[in-house]
Amino acid sequence: MSMLHFISINLMERFMATITFDTLKFANKLKSAGVLPEHAEAEAEALADIFEINLKEVATKEDIKHLEERLCERFDGKFIQLEQRMTIKLGALMVIAVSAVATLVKLL
């Protein structure tokens, strides 16, 4: 297998984010550190395979931003509804409390 190729991994087809791993550069660094050429090339190819397999499912910044936008859209309406319900319940409790105090004042 030639060491002159680059591996580009498409993380999300929609966003076309890629990570490039230069197997030749990696193998040359290993060789300069004293690793046998056959081992350096094998390690570079193995690492390239690992990147290709494992990085396909990595979320990109665009993925996270898109998810954040979807969650904000989904929950903003629910928070507004919750706030309205809590305001109504608090108002009802205040009416009950004022009524109870007024009743006690009349009785005493």
PDB file of N, CA and C in Angstrom:
ATOM      1  N   MET A   1       0.843  -1.172   0.000  1.00  0.00           N
ATOM      2  CA  MET A   1       0.000   0.000   0.000  1.00  0.00           C
ATOM      3  C   MET A   1       0.891   1.238   0.000  1.00  0.00           C
ATOM      4  N   SER A   2       0.573   2.202  -0.824  1.00  0.00           N
ATOM      5  CA  SER A   2       1.402   3.401  -0.968  1.00  0.00           C
ATOM      6  C   SER A   2       1.257   4.310   0.241  1.00  0.00           C
ATOM      7  N   MET A   3       2.375   4.879   0.649  1.00  0.00           N
ATOM      8  CA  MET A   3       2.361   5.783   1.790  1.00  0.00           C
ATOM      9  C   MET A   3       2.116   7.220   1.350  1.00  0.00           C
ATOM     10  N   LEU A   4       1.876   7.458   0.068  1.00  0.00           N
ATOM     11  CA  LEU A   4       1.723   8.816  -0.437  1.00  0.00           C
ATOM     12  C   LEU A   4       0.277   9.292  -0.473  1.00  0.00           C
ATOM     13  N   HIS A   5      -0.605   8.598   0.161  1.00  0.00           N
ATOM     14  CA  HIS A   5      -2.004   9.020   0.115  1.00  0.00           C
ATOM     15  C   HIS A   5      -2.427   9.690   1.423  1.00  0.00           C
ATOM     16  N   PHE A   6      -3.447  10.497   1.307  1.00  0.00           N
ATOM     17  CA  PHE A   6      -4.052  11.141   2.461  1.00  0.00           C
ATOM     18  C   PHE A   6      -5.404  10.490   2.682  1.00  0.00           C
ATOM     19  N   ILE A   7      -5.837  10.470   3.917  1.00  0.00           N
ATOM     20  CA  ILE A   7      -7.148   9.932   4.211  1.00  0.00           C
ATOM     21  C   ILE A   7      -8.032  11.084   4.640  1.00  0.00           C
ATOM     22  N   SER A   8      -9.099  11.300   3.905  1.00  0.00           N
ATOM     23  CA  SER A   8     -10.083  12.313   4.274  1.00  0.00           C
ATOM     24  C   SER A   8     -11.334  11.585   4.714  1.00  0.00           C
ATOM     25  N   ILE A   9     -11.829  11.940   5.864  1.00  0.00           N
ATOM     26  CA  ILE A   9     -12.989  11.274   6.416  1.00  0.00           C
ATOM     27  C   ILE A   9     -14.156  12.248   6.428  1.00  0.00           C
ATOM     28  N   ASN A  10     -15.237  11.874   5.792  1.00  0.00           N
ATOM     29  CA  ASN A  10     -16.429  12.704   5.757  1.00  0.00           C
ATOM     30  C   ASN A  10     -17.209  12.438   7.035  1.00  0.00           C
ATOM     31  N   LEU A  11     -17.253  13.425   7.931  1.00  0.00           N
ATOM     32  CA  LEU A  11     -17.913  13.232   9.218  1.00  0.00           C
ATOM     33  C   LEU A  11     -19.432  13.312   9.097  1.00  0.00           C
ATOM     34  N   MET A  12     -19.905  14.229   8.327  1.00  0.00           N
ATOM     35  CA  MET A  12     -21.345  14.358   8.109  1.00  0.00           C
ATOM     36  C   MET A  12     -21.543  14.773   6.660  1.00  0.00           C
ATOM     37  N   GLU A  13     -22.285  13.995   5.905  1.00  0.00           N
ATOM     38  CA  GLU A  13     -22.501  14.339   4.504  1.00  0.00           C
ATOM     39  C   GLU A  13     -23.119  15.722   4.369  1.00  0.00           C
ATOM     40  N   ARG A  14     -23.962  16.056   5.281  1.00  0.00           N
ATOM     41  CA  ARG A  14     -24.674  17.317   5.216  1.00  0.00           C
ATOM     42  C   ARG A  14     -23.730  18.507   5.369  1.00  0.00           C
ATOM     43  N   PHE A  15     -22.711  18.383   6.209  1.00  0.00           N
ATOM     44  CA  PHE A  15     -21.833  19.508   6.494  1.00  0.00           C
ATOM     45  C   PHE A  15     -20.464  19.391   5.831  1.00  0.00           C
ATOM     46  N   MET A  16     -20.128  18.223   5.321  1.00  0.00           N
ATOM     47  CA  MET A  16     -18.871  17.991   4.613  1.00  0.00           C
ATOM     48  C   MET A  16     -17.637  18.365   5.431  1.00  0.00           C
ATOM     49  N   ALA A  17     -17.644  18.086   6.702  1.00  0.00           N
ATOM     50  CA  ALA A  17     -16.465  18.315   7.535  1.00  0.00           C
ATOM     51  C   ALA A  17     -15.514  17.144   7.342  1.00  0.00           C
ATOM     52  N   THR A  18     -14.233  17.425   7.212  1.00  0.00           N
ATOM     53  CA  THR A  18     -13.279  16.351   6.999  1.00  0.00           C
ATOM     54  C   THR A  18     -12.092  16.491   7.938  1.00  0.00           C
ATOM     55  N   ILE A  19     -11.480  15.366   8.207  1.00  0.00           N
ATOM     56  CA  ILE A  19     -10.229  15.318   8.947  1.00  0.00           C
ATOM     57  C   ILE A  19      -9.235  14.626   8.028  1.00  0.00           C
ATOM     58  N   THR A  20      -8.067  15.223   7.869  1.00  0.00           N
ATOM     59  CA  THR A  20      -7.062  14.653   6.989  1.00  0.00           C
ATOM     60  C   THR A  20      -5.906  14.119   7.816  1.00  0.00           C
ATOM     61  N   PHE A  21      -5.485  12.891   7.520  1.00  0.00           N
ATOM     62  CA  PHE A  21      -4.371  12.263   8.215  1.00  0.00           C
ATOM     63  C   PHE A  21      -3.320  11.897   7.175  1.00  0.00           C
ATOM     64  N   ASP A  22      -2.146  12.467   7.310  1.00  0.00           N
ATOM     65  CA  ASP A  22      -1.046  12.234   6.374  1.00  0.00           C
ATOM     66  C   ASP A  22      -0.254  11.024   6.847  1.00  0.00           C
ATOM     67  N   THR A  23      -0.502   9.872   6.220  1.00  0.00           N
ATOM     68  CA  THR A  23       0.163   8.646   6.648  1.00  0.00           C
ATOM     69  C   THR A  23       1.665   8.683   6.366  1.00  0.00           C
ATOM     70  N   LEU A  24       2.061   9.329   5.279  1.00  0.00           N
ATOM     71  CA  LEU A  24       3.483   9.408   4.947  1.00  0.00           C
ATOM     72  C   LEU A  24       4.254  10.205   5.995  1.00  0.00           C
ATOM     73  N   LYS A  25       3.707  11.346   6.384  1.00  0.00           N
ATOM     74  CA  LYS A  25       4.361  12.180   7.388  1.00  0.00           C
ATOM     75  C   LYS A  25       4.465  11.437   8.720  1.00  0.00           C
ATOM     76  N   PHE A  26       3.391  10.754   9.098  1.00  0.00           N
ATOM     77  CA  PHE A  26       3.384  10.001  10.350  1.00  0.00           C
ATOM     78  C   PHE A  26       4.423   8.879  10.306  1.00  0.00           C
ATOM     79  N   ALA A  27       4.472   8.144   9.203  1.00  0.00           N
ATOM     80  CA  ALA A  27       5.434   7.048   9.073  1.00  0.00           C
ATOM     81  C   ALA A  27       6.869   7.578   9.105  1.00  0.00           C
ATOM     82  N   ASN A  28       7.094   8.706   8.455  1.00  0.00           N
ATOM     83  CA  ASN A  28       8.448   9.289   8.464  1.00  0.00           C
ATOM     84  C   ASN A  28       8.864   9.721   9.864  1.00  0.00           C
ATOM     85  N   LYS A  29       7.930  10.242  10.646  1.00  0.00           N
ATOM     86  CA  LYS A  29       8.250  10.618  12.029  1.00  0.00           C
ATOM     87  C   LYS A  29       8.612   9.382  12.837  1.00  0.00           C
ATOM     88  N   LEU A  30       7.870   8.308  12.622  1.00  0.00           N
ATOM     89  CA  LEU A  30       8.182   7.068  13.334  1.00  0.00           C
ATOM     90  C   LEU A  30       9.557   6.549  12.921  1.00  0.00           C
ATOM     91  N   LYS A  31       9.840   6.595  11.632  1.00  0.00           N
ATOM     92  CA  LYS A  31      11.140   6.128  11.131  1.00  0.00           C
ATOM     93  C   LYS A  31      12.277   6.956  11.722  1.00  0.00           C
ATOM     94  N   SER A  32      12.096   8.268  11.792  1.00  0.00           N
ATOM     95  CA  SER A  32      13.148   9.131  12.344  1.00  0.00           C
ATOM     96  C   SER A  32      13.332   8.915  13.842  1.00  0.00           C
ATOM     97  N   ALA A  33      12.320   8.344  14.487  1.00  0.00           N
ATOM     98  CA  ALA A  33      12.425   8.042  15.917  1.00  0.00           C
ATOM     99  C   ALA A  33      13.016   6.657  16.150  1.00  0.00           C
ATOM    100  N   GLY A  34      13.367   5.970  15.053  1.00  0.00           N
ATOM    101  CA  GLY A  34      14.020   4.679  15.202  1.00  0.00           C
ATOM    102  C   GLY A  34      13.140   3.473  14.972  1.00  0.00           C
ATOM    103  N   VAL A  35      11.907   3.666  14.557  1.00  0.00           N
ATOM    104  CA  VAL A  35      11.017   2.542  14.290  1.00  0.00           C
ATOM    105  C   VAL A  35      11.376   1.979  12.908  1.00  0.00           C
ATOM    106  N   LEU A  36      11.362   0.663  12.787  1.00  0.00           N
ATOM    107  CA  LEU A  36      11.658   0.031  11.503  1.00  0.00           C
ATOM    108  C   LEU A  36      10.675   0.515  10.442  1.00  0.00           C
ATOM    109  N   PRO A  37      11.139   0.721   9.208  1.00  0.00           N
ATOM    110  CA  PRO A  37      10.255   1.239   8.149  1.00  0.00           C
ATOM    111  C   PRO A  37       8.985   0.417   7.961  1.00  0.00           C
ATOM    112  N   GLU A  38       9.101  -0.917   8.016  1.00  0.00           N
ATOM    113  CA  GLU A  38       7.909  -1.773   7.839  1.00  0.00           C
ATOM    114  C   GLU A  38       6.904  -1.539   8.960  1.00  0.00           C
ATOM    115  N   HIS A  39       7.421  -1.415  10.169  1.00  0.00           N
ATOM    116  CA  HIS A  39       6.535  -1.181  11.320  1.00  0.00           C
ATOM    117  C   HIS A  39       5.921   0.217  11.258  1.00  0.00           C
ATOM    118  N   ALA A  40       6.714   1.202  10.876  1.00  0.00           N
ATOM    119  CA  ALA A  40       6.210   2.573  10.797  1.00  0.00           C
ATOM    120  C   ALA A  40       5.076   2.667   9.780  1.00  0.00           C
ATOM    121  N   GLU A  41       5.274   2.025   8.615  1.00  0.00           N
ATOM    122  CA  GLU A  41       4.235   2.063   7.582  1.00  0.00           C
ATOM    123  C   GLU A  41       2.990   1.310   8.027  1.00  0.00           C
ATOM    124  N   ALA A  42       3.182   0.169   8.693  1.00  0.00           N
ATOM    125  CA  ALA A  42       2.039  -0.605   9.184  1.00  0.00           C
ATOM    126  C   ALA A  42       1.266   0.181  10.244  1.00  0.00           C
ATOM    127  N   GLU A  43       1.987   0.852  11.143  1.00  0.00           N
ATOM    128  CA  GLU A  43       1.318   1.652  12.180  1.00  0.00           C
ATOM    129  C   GLU A  43       0.554   2.814  11.564  1.00  0.00           C
ATOM    130  N   ALA A  44       1.143   3.449  10.551  1.00  0.00           N
ATOM    131  CA  ALA A  44       0.468   4.566   9.889  1.00  0.00           C
ATOM    132  C   ALA A  44      -0.812   4.093   9.219  1.00  0.00           C
ATOM    133  N   GLU A  45      -0.757   2.962   8.541  1.00  0.00           N
ATOM    134  CA  GLU A  45      -1.949   2.421   7.881  1.00  0.00           C
ATOM    135  C   GLU A  45      -3.008   2.013   8.906  1.00  0.00           C
ATOM    136  N   ALA A  46      -2.565   1.392  10.011  1.00  0.00           N
ATOM    137  CA  ALA A  46      -3.510   0.982  11.059  1.00  0.00           C
ATOM    138  C   ALA A  46      -4.193   2.200  11.680  1.00  0.00           C
ATOM    139  N   LEU A  47      -3.412   3.246  11.928  1.00  0.00           N
ATOM    140  CA  LEU A  47      -3.995   4.457  12.497  1.00  0.00           C
ATOM    141  C   LEU A  47      -4.972   5.107  11.523  1.00  0.00           C
ATOM    142  N   ALA A  48      -4.636   5.091  10.244  1.00  0.00           N
ATOM    143  CA  ALA A  48      -5.545   5.632   9.227  1.00  0.00           C
ATOM    144  C   ALA A  48      -6.848   4.845   9.207  1.00  0.00           C
ATOM    145  N   ASP A  49      -6.755   3.531   9.335  1.00  0.00           N
ATOM    146  CA  ASP A  49      -7.973   2.704   9.386  1.00  0.00           C
ATOM    147  C   ASP A  49      -8.804   3.030  10.610  1.00  0.00           C
ATOM    148  N   ILE A  50      -8.147   3.235  11.735  1.00  0.00           N
ATOM    149  CA  ILE A  50      -8.867   3.583  12.966  1.00  0.00           C
ATOM    150  C   ILE A  50      -9.603   4.911  12.790  1.00  0.00           C
ATOM    151  N   PHE A  51      -8.917   5.904  12.215  1.00  0.00           N
ATOM    152  CA  PHE A  51      -9.572   7.184  11.962  1.00  0.00           C
ATOM    153  C   PHE A  51     -10.776   7.006  11.060  1.00  0.00           C
ATOM    154  N   GLU A  52     -10.594   6.227  10.020  1.00  0.00           N
ATOM    155  CA  GLU A  52     -11.678   6.044   9.055  1.00  0.00           C
ATOM    156  C   GLU A  52     -12.891   5.385   9.695  1.00  0.00           C
ATOM    157  N   ILE A  53     -12.656   4.425  10.569  1.00  0.00           N
ATOM    158  CA  ILE A  53     -13.757   3.699  11.209  1.00  0.00           C
ATOM    159  C   ILE A  53     -14.391   4.516  12.332  1.00  0.00           C
ATOM    160  N   ASN A  54     -13.574   5.087  13.211  1.00  0.00           N
ATOM    161  CA  ASN A  54     -14.076   5.690  14.444  1.00  0.00           C
ATOM    162  C   ASN A  54     -14.519   7.137  14.318  1.00  0.00           C
ATOM    163  N   LEU A  55     -14.035   7.873  13.360  1.00  0.00           N
ATOM    164  CA  LEU A  55     -14.375   9.288  13.289  1.00  0.00           C
ATOM    165  C   LEU A  55     -15.567   9.587  12.390  1.00  0.00           C
ATOM    166  N   LYS A  56     -16.189   8.560  11.854  1.00  0.00           N
ATOM    167  CA  LYS A  56     -17.353   8.794  11.003  1.00  0.00           C
ATOM    168  C   LYS A  56     -18.555   9.289  11.804  1.00  0.00           C
ATOM    169  N   GLU A  57     -18.603   8.969  13.075  1.00  0.00           N
ATOM    170  CA  GLU A  57     -19.753   9.324  13.906  1.00  0.00           C
ATOM    171  C   GLU A  57     -19.503  10.525  14.802  1.00  0.00           C
ATOM    172  N   VAL A  58     -18.403  11.235  14.608  1.00  0.00           N
ATOM    173  CA  VAL A  58     -18.077  12.386  15.451  1.00  0.00           C
ATOM    174  C   VAL A  58     -18.950  13.573  15.052  1.00  0.00           C
ATOM    175  N   ALA A  59     -19.498  14.237  16.040  1.00  0.00           N
ATOM    176  CA  ALA A  59     -20.327  15.418  15.776  1.00  0.00           C
ATOM    177  C   ALA A  59     -19.446  16.620  15.476  1.00  0.00           C
ATOM    178  N   THR A  60     -19.854  17.387  14.495  1.00  0.00           N
ATOM    179  CA  THR A  60     -19.132  18.607  14.150  1.00  0.00           C
ATOM    180  C   THR A  60     -19.722  19.780  14.927  1.00  0.00           C
ATOM    181  N   LYS A  61     -19.044  20.915  14.872  1.00  0.00           N
ATOM    182  CA  LYS A  61     -19.572  22.123  15.513  1.00  0.00           C
ATOM    183  C   LYS A  61     -20.923  22.477  14.922  1.00  0.00           C
ATOM    184  N   GLU A  62     -21.068  22.277  13.617  1.00  0.00           N
ATOM    185  CA  GLU A  62     -22.351  22.571  12.964  1.00  0.00           C
ATOM    186  C   GLU A  62     -23.450  21.651  13.478  1.00  0.00           C
ATOM    187  N   ASP A  63     -23.116  20.367  13.708  1.00  0.00           N
ATOM    188  CA  ASP A  63     -24.092  19.425  14.264  1.00  0.00           C
ATOM    189  C   ASP A  63     -24.572  19.895  15.630  1.00  0.00           C
ATOM    190  N   ILE A  64     -23.630  20.293  16.467  1.00  0.00           N
ATOM    191  CA  ILE A  64     -23.973  20.725  17.824  1.00  0.00           C
ATOM    192  C   ILE A  64     -24.793  22.006  17.786  1.00  0.00           C
ATOM    193  N   LYS A  65     -24.419  22.930  16.903  1.00  0.00           N
ATOM    194  CA  LYS A  65     -25.176  24.176  16.785  1.00  0.00           C
ATOM    195  C   LYS A  65     -26.594  23.895  16.298  1.00  0.00           C
ATOM    196  N   HIS A  66     -26.729  23.006  15.325  1.00  0.00           N
ATOM    197  CA  HIS A  66     -28.051  22.638  14.807  1.00  0.00           C
ATOM    198  C   HIS A  66     -28.902  21.999  15.913  1.00  0.00           C
ATOM    199  N   LEU A  67     -28.292  21.109  16.692  1.00  0.00           N
ATOM    200  CA  LEU A  67     -29.008  20.465  17.793  1.00  0.00           C
ATOM    201  C   LEU A  67     -29.436  21.491  18.838  1.00  0.00           C
ATOM    202  N   GLU A  68     -28.543  22.430  19.153  1.00  0.00           N
ATOM    203  CA  GLU A  68     -28.866  23.478  20.120  1.00  0.00           C
ATOM    204  C   GLU A  68     -30.055  24.310  19.635  1.00  0.00           C
ATOM    205  N   GLU A  69     -30.054  24.660  18.359  1.00  0.00           N
ATOM    206  CA  GLU A  69     -31.159  25.442  17.800  1.00  0.00           C
ATOM    207  C   GLU A  69     -32.467  24.672  17.879  1.00  0.00           C
ATOM    208  N   ARG A  70     -32.420  23.380  17.548  1.00  0.00           N
ATOM    209  CA  ARG A  70     -33.638  22.560  17.614  1.00  0.00           C
ATOM    210  C   ARG A  70     -34.159  22.452  19.042  1.00  0.00           C
ATOM    211  N   LEU A  71     -33.236  22.268  20.004  1.00  0.00           N
ATOM    212  CA  LEU A  71     -33.653  22.161  21.402  1.00  0.00           C
ATOM    213  C   LEU A  71     -34.232  23.473  21.909  1.00  0.00           C
ATOM    214  N   CYS A  72     -33.610  24.596  21.528  1.00  0.00           N
ATOM    215  CA  CYS A  72     -34.127  25.901  21.945  1.00  0.00           C
ATOM    216  C   CYS A  72     -35.522  26.129  21.386  1.00  0.00           C
ATOM    217  N   GLU A  73     -35.719  25.807  20.117  1.00  0.00           N
ATOM    218  CA  GLU A  73     -37.052  25.963  19.507  1.00  0.00           C
ATOM    219  C   GLU A  73     -38.076  25.101  20.224  1.00  0.00           C
ATOM    220  N   ARG A  74     -37.670  23.879  20.545  1.00  0.00           N
ATOM    221  CA  ARG A  74     -38.599  22.935  21.162  1.00  0.00           C
ATOM    222  C   ARG A  74     -38.974  23.349  22.586  1.00  0.00           C
ATOM    223  N   PHE A  75     -37.979  23.782  23.361  1.00  0.00           N
ATOM    224  CA  PHE A  75     -38.235  24.050  24.772  1.00  0.00           C
ATOM    225  C   PHE A  75     -38.652  25.478  25.067  1.00  0.00           C
ATOM    226  N   ASP A  76     -38.363  26.433  24.194  1.00  0.00           N
ATOM    227  CA  ASP A  76     -38.777  27.810  24.448  1.00  0.00           C
ATOM    228  C   ASP A  76     -40.287  27.900  24.616  1.00  0.00           C
ATOM    229  N   GLY A  77     -41.032  27.260  23.748  1.00  0.00           N
ATOM    230  CA  GLY A  77     -42.490  27.275  23.852  1.00  0.00           C
ATOM    231  C   GLY A  77     -42.971  26.609  25.121  1.00  0.00           C
ATOM    232  N   LYS A  78     -42.322  25.531  25.512  1.00  0.00           N
ATOM    233  CA  LYS A  78     -42.720  24.817  26.724  1.00  0.00           C
ATOM    234  C   LYS A  78     -42.423  25.648  27.978  1.00  0.00           C
ATOM    235  N   PHE A  79     -41.315  26.376  27.973  1.00  0.00           N
ATOM    236  CA  PHE A  79     -40.995  27.224  29.125  1.00  0.00           C
ATOM    237  C   PHE A  79     -41.988  28.373  29.240  1.00  0.00           C
ATOM    238  N   ILE A  80     -42.408  28.914  28.119  1.00  0.00           N
ATOM    239  CA  ILE A  80     -43.404  29.990  28.143  1.00  0.00           C
ATOM    240  C   ILE A  80     -44.718  29.464  28.712  1.00  0.00           C
ATOM    241  N   GLN A  81     -45.142  28.275  28.273  1.00  0.00           N
ATOM    242  CA  GLN A  81     -46.373  27.669  28.791  1.00  0.00           C
ATOM    243  C   GLN A  81     -46.244  27.399  30.289  1.00  0.00           C
ATOM    244  N   LEU A  82     -45.100  26.885  30.706  1.00  0.00           N
ATOM    245  CA  LEU A  82     -44.885  26.597  32.122  1.00  0.00           C
ATOM    246  C   LEU A  82     -44.932  27.877  32.951  1.00  0.00           C
ATOM    247  N   GLU A  83     -44.317  28.937  32.442  1.00  0.00           N
ATOM    248  CA  GLU A  83     -44.326  30.217  33.141  1.00  0.00           C
ATOM    249  C   GLU A  83     -45.761  30.743  33.280  1.00  0.00           C
ATOM    250  N   GLN A  84     -46.556  30.621  32.226  1.00  0.00           N
ATOM    251  CA  GLN A  84     -47.950  31.082  32.280  1.00  0.00           C
ATOM    252  C   GLN A  84     -48.750  30.279  33.297  1.00  0.00           C
ATOM    253  N   ARG A  85     -48.565  28.954  33.306  1.00  0.00           N
ATOM    254  CA  ARG A  85     -49.295  28.120  34.268  1.00  0.00           C
ATOM    255  C   ARG A  85     -48.894  28.452  35.702  1.00  0.00           C
ATOM    256  N   MET A  86     -47.609  28.681  35.918  1.00  0.00           N
ATOM    257  CA  MET A  86     -47.154  29.019  37.271  1.00  0.00           C
ATOM    258  C   MET A  86     -47.696  30.376  37.712  1.00  0.00           C
ATOM    259  N   THR A  87     -47.776  31.332  36.789  1.00  0.00           N
ATOM    260  CA  THR A  87     -48.324  32.655  37.114  1.00  0.00           C
ATOM    261  C   THR A  87     -49.792  32.535  37.501  1.00  0.00           C
ATOM    262  N   ILE A  88     -50.544  31.741  36.767  1.00  0.00           N
ATOM    263  CA  ILE A  88     -51.972  31.540  37.072  1.00  0.00           C
ATOM    264  C   ILE A  88     -52.128  30.876  38.439  1.00  0.00           C
ATOM    265  N   LYS A  89     -51.324  29.860  38.713  1.00  0.00           N
ATOM    266  CA  LYS A  89     -51.424  29.171  40.005  1.00  0.00           C
ATOM    267  C   LYS A  89     -51.034  30.093  41.161  1.00  0.00           C
ATOM    268  N   LEU A  90     -49.992  30.905  40.957  1.00  0.00           N
ATOM    269  CA  LEU A  90     -49.590  31.849  41.997  1.00  0.00           C
ATOM    270  C   LEU A  90     -50.695  32.871  42.238  1.00  0.00           C
ATOM    271  N   GLY A  91     -51.317  33.341  41.175  1.00  0.00           N
ATOM    272  CA  GLY A  91     -52.436  34.283  41.319  1.00  0.00           C
ATOM    273  C   GLY A  91     -53.593  33.654  42.083  1.00  0.00           C
ATOM    274  N   ALA A  92     -53.891  32.395  41.768  1.00  0.00           N
ATOM    275  CA  ALA A  92     -54.975  31.701  42.467  1.00  0.00           C
ATOM    276  C   ALA A  92     -54.643  31.543  43.955  1.00  0.00           C
ATOM    277  N   LEU A  93     -53.401  31.204  44.245  1.00  0.00           N
ATOM    278  CA  LEU A  93     -53.002  31.074  45.656  1.00  0.00           C
ATOM    279  C   LEU A  93     -53.102  32.405  46.394  1.00  0.00           C
ATOM    280  N   MET A  94     -52.760  33.494  45.723  1.00  0.00           N
ATOM    281  CA  MET A  94     -52.862  34.812  46.361  1.00  0.00           C
ATOM    282  C   MET A  94     -54.325  35.163  46.634  1.00  0.00           C
ATOM    283  N   VAL A  95     -55.212  34.841  45.704  1.00  0.00           N
ATOM    284  CA  VAL A  95     -56.645  35.105  45.906  1.00  0.00           C
ATOM    285  C   VAL A  95     -57.156  34.299  47.095  1.00  0.00           C
ATOM    286  N   ILE A  96     -56.756  33.044  47.168  1.00  0.00           N
ATOM    287  CA  ILE A  96     -57.184  32.193  48.284  1.00  0.00           C
ATOM    288  C   ILE A  96     -56.637  32.739  49.604  1.00  0.00           C
ATOM    289  N   ALA A  97     -55.382  33.159  49.618  1.00  0.00           N
ATOM    290  CA  ALA A  97     -54.780  33.679  50.847  1.00  0.00           C
ATOM    291  C   ALA A  97     -55.465  34.964  51.288  1.00  0.00           C
ATOM    292  N   VAL A  98     -55.729  35.874  50.354  1.00  0.00           N
ATOM    293  CA  VAL A  98     -56.402  37.134  50.694  1.00  0.00           C
ATOM    294  C   VAL A  98     -57.813  36.851  51.195  1.00  0.00           C
ATOM    295  N   SER A  99     -58.484  35.912  50.564  1.00  0.00           N
ATOM    296  CA  SER A  99     -59.844  35.551  50.991  1.00  0.00           C
ATOM    297  C   SER A  99     -59.823  34.955  52.401  1.00  0.00           C
ATOM    298  N   ALA A 100     -58.843  34.106  52.665  1.00  0.00           N
ATOM    299  CA  ALA A 100     -58.752  33.493  53.995  1.00  0.00           C
ATOM    300  C   ALA A 100     -58.481  34.554  55.049  1.00  0.00           C
ATOM    301  N   VAL A 101     -57.600  35.510  54.756  1.00  0.00           N
ATOM    302  CA  VAL A 101     -57.308  36.583  55.714  1.00  0.00           C
ATOM    303  C   VAL A 101     -58.549  37.446  55.926  1.00  0.00           C
ATOM    304  N   ALA A 102     -59.254  37.779  54.852  1.00  0.00           N
ATOM    305  CA  ALA A 102     -60.468  38.618  54.963  1.00  0.00           C
ATOM    306  C   ALA A 102     -61.528  37.899  55.791  1.00  0.00           C
ATOM    307  N   THR A 103     -61.667  36.597  55.583  1.00  0.00           N
ATOM    308  CA  THR A 103     -62.638  35.821  56.355  1.00  0.00           C
ATOM    309  C   THR A 103     -62.269  35.799  57.832  1.00  0.00           C
ATOM    310  N   LEU A 104     -60.997  35.600  58.121  1.00  0.00           N
ATOM    311  CA  LEU A 104     -60.550  35.595  59.520  1.00  0.00           C
ATOM    312  C   LEU A 104     -60.742  36.963  60.175  1.00  0.00           C
ATOM    313  N   VAL A 105     -60.513  38.046  59.431  1.00  0.00           N
ATOM    314  CA  VAL A 105     -60.687  39.378  59.981  1.00  0.00           C
ATOM    315  C   VAL A 105     -62.166  39.596  60.337  1.00  0.00           C
ATOM    316  N   LYS A 106     -63.081  39.150  59.490  1.00  0.00           N
ATOM    317  CA  LYS A 106     -64.513  39.317  59.767  1.00  0.00           C
ATOM    318  C   LYS A 106     -64.956  38.493  60.961  1.00  0.00           C
ATOM    319  N   LEU A 107     -64.386  37.302  61.094  1.00  0.00           N
ATOM    320  CA  LEU A 107     -64.798  36.412  62.184  1.00  0.00           C
ATOM    321  C   LEU A 107     -64.225  36.882  63.529  1.00  0.00           C
ATOM    322  N   LEU A 108     -63.095  37.484  63.510  1.00  0.00           N
ATOM    323  CA  LEU A 108     -62.489  37.879  64.775  1.00  0.00           C
ATOM    324  C   LEU A 108     -62.834  39.285  65.057  1.00  0.00           C
TER     325      LEU A 108
END
